[in-house]
């Protein structure tokens, strides 16, 4: 009887030790926001069929955090997809020669989402760079043709796409100067 009790105590002790190790790894994973690891560690932190300490509640907490993290990731993916769609729409409007449409389309994009998307995807970055080059070329063409408002809208759209663009500022200033000069000549 004593040997059986000792063997049973040893088995339960080993199970407690294993459960405690899983529990500790789960707590560590939870601290570093590794929720999937935390869920798996807490789910096996059991002694026979009973959860070790508060492993069940911590597992649920980790599951909720994992679901929240997945939801945030999906929202980010959706926002980036919307930015890509808006950039494609702006490109289509530019091909159609719609300066106002390009400007309003680009202004509708959230600046933070635009920057995050440009940083995260090389393909989107190249596409945006090509769009910026086309905007600059169309703005210059409009300046040469004395289409001041059109040139200004293309320059403003370029400035939305590249906020630190000195070229966009120069093109916009040229459009305003031409518009002012045109107004003065018309008045004269």
N, C-alpha and C. Protein backbone atom coordinates (compact mmCIF):
# COMPACT_ATOMS: atom_id res chain seq x y z
N UNK A 1 0.84 -1.19 0.00
CA UNK A 1 0.00 0.00 0.00
C UNK A 1 0.88 1.25 0.00
N UNK A 2 1.93 1.17 0.83
CA UNK A 2 2.84 2.32 0.89
C UNK A 2 3.50 2.57 -0.45
N UNK A 3 3.92 1.51 -1.13
CA UNK A 3 4.56 1.66 -2.44
C UNK A 3 3.58 2.23 -3.47
N UNK A 4 2.35 1.78 -3.43
CA UNK A 4 1.34 2.30 -4.35
C UNK A 4 1.08 3.78 -4.08
N UNK A 5 0.97 4.15 -2.82
CA UNK A 5 0.75 5.55 -2.46
C UNK A 5 1.94 6.39 -2.90
N UNK A 6 3.17 5.88 -2.68
CA UNK A 6 4.37 6.61 -3.09
C UNK A 6 4.43 6.75 -4.61
N UNK A 7 4.11 5.67 -5.31
CA UNK A 7 4.11 5.72 -6.78
C UNK A 7 3.07 6.72 -7.28
N UNK A 8 1.90 6.69 -6.67
CA UNK A 8 0.84 7.64 -7.05
C UNK A 8 1.25 9.07 -6.74
N UNK A 9 1.86 9.29 -5.58
CA UNK A 9 2.35 10.62 -5.22
C UNK A 9 3.43 11.07 -6.19
N UNK A 10 4.30 10.17 -6.60
CA UNK A 10 5.36 10.50 -7.55
C UNK A 10 4.76 10.89 -8.90
N UNK A 11 3.79 10.12 -9.37
CA UNK A 11 3.13 10.43 -10.65
C UNK A 11 2.44 11.78 -10.57
N UNK A 12 1.70 12.02 -9.49
CA UNK A 12 1.01 13.31 -9.33
C UNK A 12 2.03 14.43 -9.22
N UNK A 13 3.13 14.19 -8.53
CA UNK A 13 4.19 15.20 -8.41
C UNK A 13 4.79 15.55 -9.75
N UNK A 14 5.06 14.53 -10.56
CA UNK A 14 5.60 14.76 -11.91
C UNK A 14 4.59 15.53 -12.76
N UNK A 15 3.31 15.16 -12.69
CA UNK A 15 2.27 15.87 -13.43
C UNK A 15 2.15 17.32 -12.98
N UNK A 16 2.27 17.55 -11.67
CA UNK A 16 2.27 18.93 -11.15
C UNK A 16 3.47 19.71 -11.68
N UNK A 17 4.62 19.07 -11.67
CA UNK A 17 5.83 19.74 -12.15
C UNK A 17 5.71 20.09 -13.63
N UNK A 18 5.20 19.16 -14.44
CA UNK A 18 5.00 19.41 -15.88
C UNK A 18 3.98 20.52 -16.09
N UNK A 19 2.88 20.48 -15.34
CA UNK A 19 1.84 21.51 -15.46
C UNK A 19 2.39 22.87 -15.06
N UNK A 20 3.20 22.90 -14.00
CA UNK A 20 3.80 24.16 -13.56
C UNK A 20 4.75 24.72 -14.62
N UNK A 21 5.49 23.84 -15.29
CA UNK A 21 6.40 24.28 -16.35
C UNK A 21 5.61 24.87 -17.52
N UNK A 22 4.54 24.21 -17.93
CA UNK A 22 3.70 24.75 -19.01
C UNK A 22 3.06 26.07 -18.60
N UNK A 23 2.61 26.13 -17.37
CA UNK A 23 2.00 27.36 -16.85
C UNK A 23 3.00 28.51 -16.89
N UNK A 24 4.22 28.25 -16.44
CA UNK A 24 5.26 29.30 -16.42
C UNK A 24 5.58 29.76 -17.84
N UNK A 25 5.69 28.82 -18.78
CA UNK A 25 5.95 29.20 -20.17
C UNK A 25 4.77 29.99 -20.74
N UNK A 26 3.56 29.62 -20.35
CA UNK A 26 2.38 30.37 -20.80
C UNK A 26 2.37 31.79 -20.26
N UNK A 27 2.72 31.95 -18.99
CA UNK A 27 2.78 33.30 -18.39
C UNK A 27 3.85 34.14 -19.09
N UNK A 28 5.01 33.52 -19.36
CA UNK A 28 6.07 34.24 -20.07
C UNK A 28 5.63 34.65 -21.47
N UNK A 29 4.96 33.76 -22.17
CA UNK A 29 4.47 34.06 -23.52
C UNK A 29 3.43 35.17 -23.48
N UNK A 30 2.58 35.16 -22.45
CA UNK A 30 1.57 36.19 -22.31
C UNK A 30 2.22 37.55 -22.08
N UNK A 31 3.30 37.58 -21.31
CA UNK A 31 4.00 38.84 -21.03
C UNK A 31 4.59 39.47 -22.29
N UNK A 32 5.06 38.63 -23.21
CA UNK A 32 5.68 39.15 -24.44
C UNK A 32 4.69 39.19 -25.61
N UNK A 33 3.41 39.04 -25.30
CA UNK A 33 2.32 39.13 -26.28
C UNK A 33 2.41 38.06 -27.37
N UNK A 34 2.93 36.90 -27.02
CA UNK A 34 2.94 35.76 -27.94
C UNK A 34 1.72 34.90 -27.58
N UNK A 35 0.57 35.37 -28.04
CA UNK A 35 -0.69 34.80 -27.59
C UNK A 35 -0.93 33.37 -28.05
N UNK A 36 -0.52 33.02 -29.25
CA UNK A 36 -0.74 31.64 -29.71
C UNK A 36 0.06 30.66 -28.86
N UNK A 37 1.31 31.04 -28.51
CA UNK A 37 2.11 30.18 -27.64
C UNK A 37 1.47 30.08 -26.26
N UNK A 38 0.98 31.20 -25.76
CA UNK A 38 0.34 31.22 -24.44
C UNK A 38 -0.89 30.31 -24.42
N UNK A 39 -1.69 30.37 -25.47
CA UNK A 39 -2.89 29.52 -25.54
C UNK A 39 -2.50 28.05 -25.51
N UNK A 40 -1.50 27.68 -26.30
CA UNK A 40 -1.11 26.26 -26.33
C UNK A 40 -0.50 25.81 -25.01
N UNK A 41 0.28 26.67 -24.36
CA UNK A 41 0.88 26.29 -23.07
C UNK A 41 -0.17 26.18 -21.97
N UNK A 42 -1.08 27.13 -21.91
CA UNK A 42 -2.11 27.07 -20.87
C UNK A 42 -3.07 25.90 -21.09
N UNK A 43 -3.30 25.54 -22.35
CA UNK A 43 -4.23 24.45 -22.60
C UNK A 43 -3.68 23.10 -22.14
N UNK A 44 -2.35 22.96 -22.06
CA UNK A 44 -1.78 21.70 -21.58
C UNK A 44 -1.31 21.79 -20.13
N UNK A 45 -1.50 22.94 -19.49
CA UNK A 45 -1.12 23.08 -18.08
C UNK A 45 -2.24 22.49 -17.21
N UNK A 46 -2.24 21.16 -17.14
CA UNK A 46 -3.28 20.44 -16.41
C UNK A 46 -2.65 19.32 -15.58
N UNK A 47 -3.31 19.05 -14.49
CA UNK A 47 -2.95 17.89 -13.66
C UNK A 47 -4.14 16.94 -13.79
N UNK A 48 -3.89 15.83 -14.43
CA UNK A 48 -4.94 14.90 -14.82
C UNK A 48 -5.92 15.67 -15.70
N UNK A 49 -7.12 15.94 -15.27
CA UNK A 49 -8.08 16.70 -16.09
C UNK A 49 -8.32 18.10 -15.54
N UNK A 50 -7.66 18.45 -14.44
CA UNK A 50 -7.90 19.73 -13.78
C UNK A 50 -6.87 20.76 -14.21
N UNK A 51 -7.33 21.99 -14.53
CA UNK A 51 -6.37 23.03 -14.92
C UNK A 51 -5.47 23.41 -13.74
N UNK A 52 -4.24 23.72 -14.06
CA UNK A 52 -3.28 24.14 -13.04
C UNK A 52 -3.54 25.60 -12.71
N UNK A 53 -3.67 25.91 -11.44
CA UNK A 53 -3.94 27.27 -10.95
C UNK A 53 -5.07 27.91 -11.74
N UNK A 54 -4.79 29.10 -12.31
CA UNK A 54 -5.82 29.81 -13.09
C UNK A 54 -5.50 29.71 -14.59
N UNK A 55 -4.98 28.57 -15.02
CA UNK A 55 -4.59 28.38 -16.42
C UNK A 55 -5.77 28.56 -17.36
N UNK A 56 -6.94 28.12 -16.95
CA UNK A 56 -8.11 28.24 -17.82
C UNK A 56 -8.47 29.70 -18.09
N UNK A 57 -8.48 30.53 -17.07
CA UNK A 57 -8.82 31.95 -17.28
C UNK A 57 -7.71 32.66 -18.08
N UNK A 58 -6.47 32.29 -17.82
CA UNK A 58 -5.38 32.89 -18.59
C UNK A 58 -5.41 32.43 -20.05
N UNK A 59 -5.82 31.19 -20.27
CA UNK A 59 -5.97 30.69 -21.64
C UNK A 59 -7.05 31.47 -22.37
N UNK A 60 -8.16 31.73 -21.70
CA UNK A 60 -9.24 32.52 -22.31
C UNK A 60 -8.78 33.95 -22.60
N UNK A 61 -8.03 34.52 -21.67
CA UNK A 61 -7.49 35.87 -21.87
C UNK A 61 -6.57 35.88 -23.10
N UNK A 62 -5.72 34.88 -23.22
CA UNK A 62 -4.82 34.79 -24.37
C UNK A 62 -5.61 34.58 -25.67
N UNK A 63 -6.67 33.78 -25.62
CA UNK A 63 -7.51 33.55 -26.81
C UNK A 63 -8.18 34.86 -27.25
N UNK A 64 -8.70 35.61 -26.29
CA UNK A 64 -9.33 36.89 -26.64
C UNK A 64 -8.30 37.85 -27.24
N UNK A 65 -7.12 37.90 -26.65
CA UNK A 65 -6.07 38.77 -27.18
C UNK A 65 -5.64 38.33 -28.57
N UNK A 66 -5.59 37.03 -28.80
CA UNK A 66 -5.24 36.50 -30.11
C UNK A 66 -6.30 36.87 -31.14
N UNK A 67 -7.56 36.76 -30.75
CA UNK A 67 -8.64 37.14 -31.67
C UNK A 67 -8.61 38.64 -31.95
N UNK A 68 -8.34 39.45 -30.93
CA UNK A 68 -8.23 40.90 -31.13
C UNK A 68 -7.07 41.23 -32.07
N UNK A 69 -5.96 40.53 -31.87
CA UNK A 69 -4.78 40.75 -32.72
C UNK A 69 -5.10 40.37 -34.17
N UNK A 70 -5.80 39.27 -34.36
CA UNK A 70 -6.20 38.85 -35.71
C UNK A 70 -7.15 39.87 -36.33
N UNK A 71 -8.07 40.39 -35.53
CA UNK A 71 -9.02 41.39 -36.04
C UNK A 71 -8.28 42.66 -36.43
N UNK A 72 -7.31 43.08 -35.62
CA UNK A 72 -6.51 44.27 -35.97
C UNK A 72 -5.72 44.04 -37.25
N UNK A 73 -5.18 42.84 -37.39
CA UNK A 73 -4.41 42.50 -38.59
C UNK A 73 -5.32 42.55 -39.83
N UNK A 74 -6.52 42.02 -39.69
CA UNK A 74 -7.47 42.05 -40.82
C UNK A 74 -7.89 43.48 -41.15
N UNK A 75 -8.09 44.32 -40.12
CA UNK A 75 -8.43 45.71 -40.36
C UNK A 75 -7.30 46.42 -41.08
N UNK A 76 -6.08 46.16 -40.67
CA UNK A 76 -4.92 46.77 -41.31
C UNK A 76 -4.84 46.33 -42.76
N UNK A 77 -5.07 45.04 -42.99
CA UNK A 77 -5.04 44.52 -44.37
C UNK A 77 -6.12 45.18 -45.21
N UNK A 78 -7.31 45.36 -44.64
CA UNK A 78 -8.41 45.99 -45.38
C UNK A 78 -8.11 47.46 -45.68
N UNK A 79 -7.53 48.16 -44.68
CA UNK A 79 -7.16 49.56 -44.91
C UNK A 79 -6.11 49.69 -46.00
N UNK A 80 -5.13 48.79 -46.00
CA UNK A 80 -4.09 48.83 -47.03
C UNK A 80 -4.67 48.49 -48.40
N UNK A 81 -5.60 47.55 -48.45
CA UNK A 81 -6.25 47.23 -49.72
C UNK A 81 -7.05 48.43 -50.23
N UNK A 82 -7.67 49.17 -49.32
CA UNK A 82 -8.41 50.37 -49.71
C UNK A 82 -7.46 51.43 -50.25
N UNK A 83 -6.29 51.56 -49.66
CA UNK A 83 -5.29 52.53 -50.15
C UNK A 83 -4.86 52.14 -51.56
N UNK A 84 -4.59 50.86 -51.78
CA UNK A 84 -4.18 50.40 -53.10
C UNK A 84 -5.28 50.68 -54.12
N UNK A 85 -6.53 50.44 -53.74
CA UNK A 85 -7.65 50.71 -54.65
C UNK A 85 -7.75 52.20 -54.97
N UNK A 86 -7.55 53.04 -53.94
CA UNK A 86 -7.60 54.49 -54.17
C UNK A 86 -6.46 54.94 -55.08
N UNK A 87 -5.28 54.38 -54.89
CA UNK A 87 -4.15 54.73 -55.76
C UNK A 87 -4.43 54.31 -57.21
N UNK A 88 -5.01 53.13 -57.38
CA UNK A 88 -5.37 52.68 -58.72
C UNK A 88 -6.44 53.58 -59.33
N UNK A 89 -7.40 54.00 -58.51
CA UNK A 89 -8.44 54.91 -58.96
C UNK A 89 -7.83 56.25 -59.37
N UNK A 90 -6.89 56.74 -58.58
CA UNK A 90 -6.22 58.00 -58.92
C UNK A 90 -5.45 57.87 -60.22
N UNK A 91 -4.80 56.72 -60.42
CA UNK A 91 -4.09 56.48 -61.68
C UNK A 91 -5.03 56.47 -62.87
N UNK A 92 -6.19 55.86 -62.70
CA UNK A 92 -7.19 55.82 -63.78
C UNK A 92 -7.71 57.22 -64.09
N UNK A 93 -7.93 58.01 -63.05
CA UNK A 93 -8.40 59.38 -63.25
C UNK A 93 -7.32 60.24 -63.92
N UNK A 94 -6.07 59.97 -63.58
CA UNK A 94 -4.96 60.70 -64.20
C UNK A 94 -4.88 60.37 -65.69
N UNK A 95 -5.04 59.09 -66.03
CA UNK A 95 -5.04 58.70 -67.44
C UNK A 95 -6.18 59.36 -68.20
N UNK A 96 -7.30 59.58 -67.51
CA UNK A 96 -8.45 60.23 -68.14
C UNK A 96 -8.27 61.74 -68.19
N UNK A 97 -7.24 62.27 -67.53
CA UNK A 97 -6.99 63.71 -67.54
C UNK A 97 -7.82 64.48 -66.54
N UNK A 98 -8.38 63.81 -65.56
CA UNK A 98 -9.25 64.43 -64.56
C UNK A 98 -8.42 64.92 -63.37
N UNK A 99 -7.93 66.15 -63.44
CA UNK A 99 -7.05 66.70 -62.39
C UNK A 99 -7.78 66.80 -61.06
N UNK A 100 -9.01 67.29 -61.10
CA UNK A 100 -9.78 67.43 -59.86
C UNK A 100 -10.07 66.05 -59.25
N UNK A 101 -10.41 65.07 -60.08
CA UNK A 101 -10.68 63.72 -59.60
C UNK A 101 -9.46 63.08 -58.97
N UNK A 102 -8.29 63.30 -59.57
CA UNK A 102 -7.05 62.76 -59.00
C UNK A 102 -6.81 63.36 -57.63
N UNK A 103 -6.96 64.68 -57.54
CA UNK A 103 -6.73 65.38 -56.26
C UNK A 103 -7.69 64.90 -55.18
N UNK A 104 -8.98 64.84 -55.48
CA UNK A 104 -9.95 64.43 -54.46
C UNK A 104 -9.76 62.96 -54.07
N UNK A 105 -9.40 62.12 -55.04
CA UNK A 105 -9.16 60.71 -54.73
C UNK A 105 -7.99 60.55 -53.79
N UNK A 106 -6.90 61.25 -54.06
CA UNK A 106 -5.72 61.16 -53.19
C UNK A 106 -5.97 61.81 -51.83
N UNK A 107 -6.74 62.87 -51.78
CA UNK A 107 -7.04 63.52 -50.51
C UNK A 107 -7.93 62.64 -49.62
N UNK A 108 -8.68 61.73 -50.24
CA UNK A 108 -9.57 60.85 -49.48
C UNK A 108 -8.81 59.74 -48.75
N UNK A 109 -7.54 59.55 -49.10
CA UNK A 109 -6.74 58.50 -48.46
C UNK A 109 -6.21 59.02 -47.13
N UNK A 110 -6.35 58.22 -46.08
CA UNK A 110 -5.80 58.56 -44.78
C UNK A 110 -4.27 58.58 -44.89
N UNK A 111 -3.66 59.66 -44.42
CA UNK A 111 -2.21 59.85 -44.57
C UNK A 111 -1.41 58.73 -43.88
N UNK A 112 -1.82 58.36 -42.68
CA UNK A 112 -1.10 57.30 -41.96
C UNK A 112 -1.22 55.96 -42.68
N UNK A 113 -2.42 55.65 -43.19
CA UNK A 113 -2.61 54.41 -43.93
C UNK A 113 -1.77 54.41 -45.21
N UNK A 114 -1.71 55.56 -45.87
CA UNK A 114 -0.91 55.68 -47.09
C UNK A 114 0.56 55.40 -46.80
N UNK A 115 1.09 56.06 -45.77
CA UNK A 115 2.51 55.86 -45.44
C UNK A 115 2.79 54.42 -45.02
N UNK A 116 1.91 53.84 -44.22
CA UNK A 116 2.09 52.45 -43.78
C UNK A 116 2.07 51.50 -44.97
N UNK A 117 1.19 51.75 -45.91
CA UNK A 117 1.08 50.88 -47.08
C UNK A 117 2.32 51.03 -47.97
N UNK A 118 2.78 52.26 -48.13
CA UNK A 118 3.97 52.49 -48.95
C UNK A 118 5.21 51.84 -48.34
N UNK A 119 5.29 51.86 -47.02
CA UNK A 119 6.44 51.25 -46.34
C UNK A 119 6.37 49.73 -46.42
N UNK A 120 5.17 49.18 -46.32
CA UNK A 120 5.03 47.72 -46.22
C UNK A 120 5.11 46.99 -47.56
N UNK A 121 4.88 47.68 -48.66
CA UNK A 121 4.84 46.99 -49.95
C UNK A 121 5.70 47.71 -50.98
N UNK A 122 6.69 47.01 -51.47
CA UNK A 122 7.57 47.57 -52.50
C UNK A 122 6.82 47.79 -53.81
N UNK A 123 5.89 46.89 -54.13
CA UNK A 123 5.11 47.01 -55.35
C UNK A 123 4.25 48.28 -55.32
N UNK A 124 3.59 48.51 -54.19
CA UNK A 124 2.75 49.70 -54.06
C UNK A 124 3.63 50.94 -54.09
N UNK A 125 4.82 50.86 -53.48
CA UNK A 125 5.75 52.00 -53.48
C UNK A 125 6.15 52.36 -54.91
N UNK A 126 6.46 51.34 -55.71
CA UNK A 126 6.84 51.60 -57.11
C UNK A 126 5.68 52.19 -57.89
N UNK A 127 4.49 51.68 -57.63
CA UNK A 127 3.29 52.19 -58.30
C UNK A 127 3.04 53.65 -57.92
N UNK A 128 3.21 53.96 -56.63
CA UNK A 128 3.03 55.35 -56.17
C UNK A 128 4.10 56.26 -56.75
N UNK A 129 5.32 55.75 -56.86
CA UNK A 129 6.39 56.55 -57.46
C UNK A 129 6.09 56.85 -58.93
N UNK A 130 5.58 55.85 -59.64
CA UNK A 130 5.21 56.05 -61.04
C UNK A 130 4.07 57.08 -61.16
N UNK A 131 3.10 56.98 -60.25
CA UNK A 131 1.99 57.94 -60.23
C UNK A 131 2.52 59.34 -59.95
N UNK A 132 3.46 59.46 -59.01
CA UNK A 132 4.04 60.76 -58.68
C UNK A 132 4.78 61.34 -59.89
N UNK A 133 5.51 60.48 -60.60
CA UNK A 133 6.21 60.95 -61.80
C UNK A 133 5.22 61.44 -62.86
N UNK A 134 4.12 60.72 -63.03
CA UNK A 134 3.10 61.14 -64.00
C UNK A 134 2.43 62.44 -63.58
N UNK A 135 2.19 62.59 -62.27
CA UNK A 135 1.60 63.84 -61.78
C UNK A 135 2.52 65.02 -62.04
N UNK A 136 3.81 64.84 -61.78
CA UNK A 136 4.77 65.92 -62.02
C UNK A 136 4.82 66.27 -63.50
N UNK A 137 4.84 65.25 -64.36
CA UNK A 137 4.88 65.50 -65.81
C UNK A 137 3.62 66.22 -66.28
N UNK A 138 2.47 65.79 -65.80
CA UNK A 138 1.22 66.45 -66.21
C UNK A 138 1.14 67.87 -65.67
N UNK A 139 1.67 68.10 -64.48
CA UNK A 139 1.68 69.45 -63.92
C UNK A 139 2.58 70.36 -64.75
N UNK A 140 3.74 69.86 -65.13
CA UNK A 140 4.64 70.65 -65.99
C UNK A 140 3.98 70.95 -67.34
N UNK A 141 3.34 69.94 -67.91
CA UNK A 141 2.66 70.12 -69.20
C UNK A 141 1.57 71.18 -69.08
N UNK A 142 0.82 71.13 -67.98
CA UNK A 142 -0.25 72.12 -67.78
C UNK A 142 0.35 73.51 -67.59
N UNK A 143 1.50 73.62 -66.92
CA UNK A 143 2.16 74.92 -66.77
C UNK A 143 2.58 75.46 -68.13
N UNK A 144 3.14 74.61 -68.98
CA UNK A 144 3.56 75.05 -70.33
C UNK A 144 2.37 75.51 -71.16
N UNK A 145 1.21 74.89 -70.92
CA UNK A 145 0.01 75.25 -71.68
C UNK A 145 -0.81 76.35 -71.00
N UNK A 146 -0.27 76.92 -69.92
CA UNK A 146 -0.91 77.99 -69.16
C UNK A 146 -2.27 77.55 -68.58
N UNK A 147 -2.40 76.28 -68.24
CA UNK A 147 -3.59 75.76 -67.57
C UNK A 147 -3.28 75.77 -66.08
N UNK A 148 -3.34 76.96 -65.50
CA UNK A 148 -2.85 77.17 -64.13
C UNK A 148 -3.60 76.35 -63.08
N UNK A 149 -4.91 76.34 -63.16
CA UNK A 149 -5.71 75.59 -62.18
C UNK A 149 -5.42 74.10 -62.26
N UNK A 150 -5.33 73.60 -63.47
CA UNK A 150 -5.02 72.18 -63.68
C UNK A 150 -3.63 71.85 -63.14
N UNK A 151 -2.67 72.69 -63.44
CA UNK A 151 -1.29 72.49 -62.96
C UNK A 151 -1.26 72.51 -61.43
N UNK A 152 -2.02 73.43 -60.83
CA UNK A 152 -2.07 73.52 -59.38
C UNK A 152 -2.69 72.28 -58.74
N UNK A 153 -3.73 71.76 -59.36
CA UNK A 153 -4.37 70.55 -58.82
C UNK A 153 -3.43 69.34 -58.93
N UNK A 154 -2.74 69.21 -60.05
CA UNK A 154 -1.77 68.11 -60.18
C UNK A 154 -0.64 68.26 -59.15
N UNK A 155 -0.19 69.49 -58.94
CA UNK A 155 0.87 69.72 -57.94
C UNK A 155 0.37 69.42 -56.54
N UNK A 156 -0.87 69.80 -56.24
CA UNK A 156 -1.45 69.52 -54.93
C UNK A 156 -1.61 68.01 -54.73
N UNK A 157 -2.00 67.30 -55.79
CA UNK A 157 -2.12 65.84 -55.71
C UNK A 157 -0.76 65.20 -55.47
N UNK A 158 0.27 65.73 -56.13
CA UNK A 158 1.63 65.24 -55.91
C UNK A 158 2.07 65.49 -54.47
N UNK A 159 1.68 66.62 -53.93
CA UNK A 159 2.03 66.95 -52.55
C UNK A 159 1.31 66.04 -51.56
N UNK A 160 0.10 65.61 -51.88
CA UNK A 160 -0.61 64.64 -51.03
C UNK A 160 0.12 63.31 -51.05
N UNK A 161 0.56 62.91 -52.23
CA UNK A 161 1.24 61.63 -52.38
C UNK A 161 2.63 61.65 -51.76
N UNK A 162 3.33 62.77 -51.91
CA UNK A 162 4.68 62.92 -51.35
C UNK A 162 4.75 64.25 -50.59
N UNK A 163 4.39 64.24 -49.31
CA UNK A 163 4.29 65.49 -48.54
C UNK A 163 5.57 66.31 -48.45
N UNK A 164 6.72 65.70 -48.62
CA UNK A 164 7.97 66.45 -48.51
C UNK A 164 8.57 66.77 -49.87
N UNK A 165 7.78 66.69 -50.92
CA UNK A 165 8.27 66.91 -52.28
C UNK A 165 8.48 68.39 -52.56
N UNK A 166 9.73 68.76 -52.77
CA UNK A 166 10.05 70.15 -53.13
C UNK A 166 9.55 70.46 -54.54
N UNK A 167 9.57 69.46 -55.41
CA UNK A 167 9.07 69.63 -56.77
C UNK A 167 7.59 70.01 -56.75
N UNK A 168 6.81 69.35 -55.92
CA UNK A 168 5.38 69.64 -55.84
C UNK A 168 5.15 71.06 -55.36
N UNK A 169 5.93 71.49 -54.37
CA UNK A 169 5.81 72.86 -53.87
C UNK A 169 6.17 73.85 -54.97
N UNK A 170 7.25 73.57 -55.72
CA UNK A 170 7.67 74.46 -56.80
C UNK A 170 6.63 74.52 -57.91
N UNK A 171 6.08 73.37 -58.27
CA UNK A 171 5.04 73.35 -59.32
C UNK A 171 3.79 74.09 -58.87
N UNK A 172 3.41 73.91 -57.61
CA UNK A 172 2.26 74.63 -57.08
C UNK A 172 2.49 76.13 -57.05
N UNK A 173 3.69 76.52 -56.66
CA UNK A 173 4.03 77.96 -56.64
C UNK A 173 4.00 78.52 -58.06
N UNK A 174 4.51 77.76 -59.03
CA UNK A 174 4.47 78.20 -60.43
C UNK A 174 3.05 78.37 -60.93
N UNK A 175 2.17 77.46 -60.54
CA UNK A 175 0.77 77.55 -60.95
C UNK A 175 0.09 78.76 -60.33
N UNK A 176 0.37 79.01 -59.03
CA UNK A 176 -0.22 80.20 -58.38
C UNK A 176 0.31 81.49 -59.00
N UNK A 177 1.60 81.53 -59.29
CA UNK A 177 2.19 82.72 -59.90
C UNK A 177 1.58 82.96 -61.27
N UNK A 178 1.46 81.91 -62.07
CA UNK A 178 0.85 82.05 -63.39
C UNK A 178 -0.59 82.49 -63.31
N UNK A 179 -1.33 81.96 -62.33
CA UNK A 179 -2.73 82.34 -62.15
C UNK A 179 -2.85 83.81 -61.74
N UNK A 180 -1.98 84.23 -60.80
CA UNK A 180 -1.98 85.63 -60.37
C UNK A 180 -1.62 86.55 -61.52
N UNK A 181 -0.60 86.19 -62.29
CA UNK A 181 -0.16 87.00 -63.42
C UNK A 181 -1.26 87.08 -64.46
N UNK A 182 -1.94 85.97 -64.69
CA UNK A 182 -3.03 85.93 -65.66
C UNK A 182 -4.17 86.85 -65.22
N UNK A 183 -4.47 86.82 -63.90
CA UNK A 183 -5.53 87.67 -63.37
C UNK A 183 -5.16 89.15 -63.51
N UNK A 184 -3.91 89.48 -63.24
CA UNK A 184 -3.44 90.88 -63.36
C UNK A 184 -3.49 91.34 -64.81
N UNK A 185 -3.09 90.47 -65.73
CA UNK A 185 -3.12 90.83 -67.15
C UNK A 185 -4.57 91.00 -67.60
N UNK A 186 -5.45 90.15 -67.12
CA UNK A 186 -6.86 90.26 -67.47
C UNK A 186 -7.47 91.55 -66.93
N UNK A 187 -7.04 91.95 -65.74
CA UNK A 187 -7.53 93.18 -65.15
C UNK A 187 -7.02 94.39 -65.91
N UNK A 188 -5.74 94.27 -66.32
CA UNK A 188 -5.13 95.38 -67.05
C UNK A 188 -5.82 95.52 -68.40
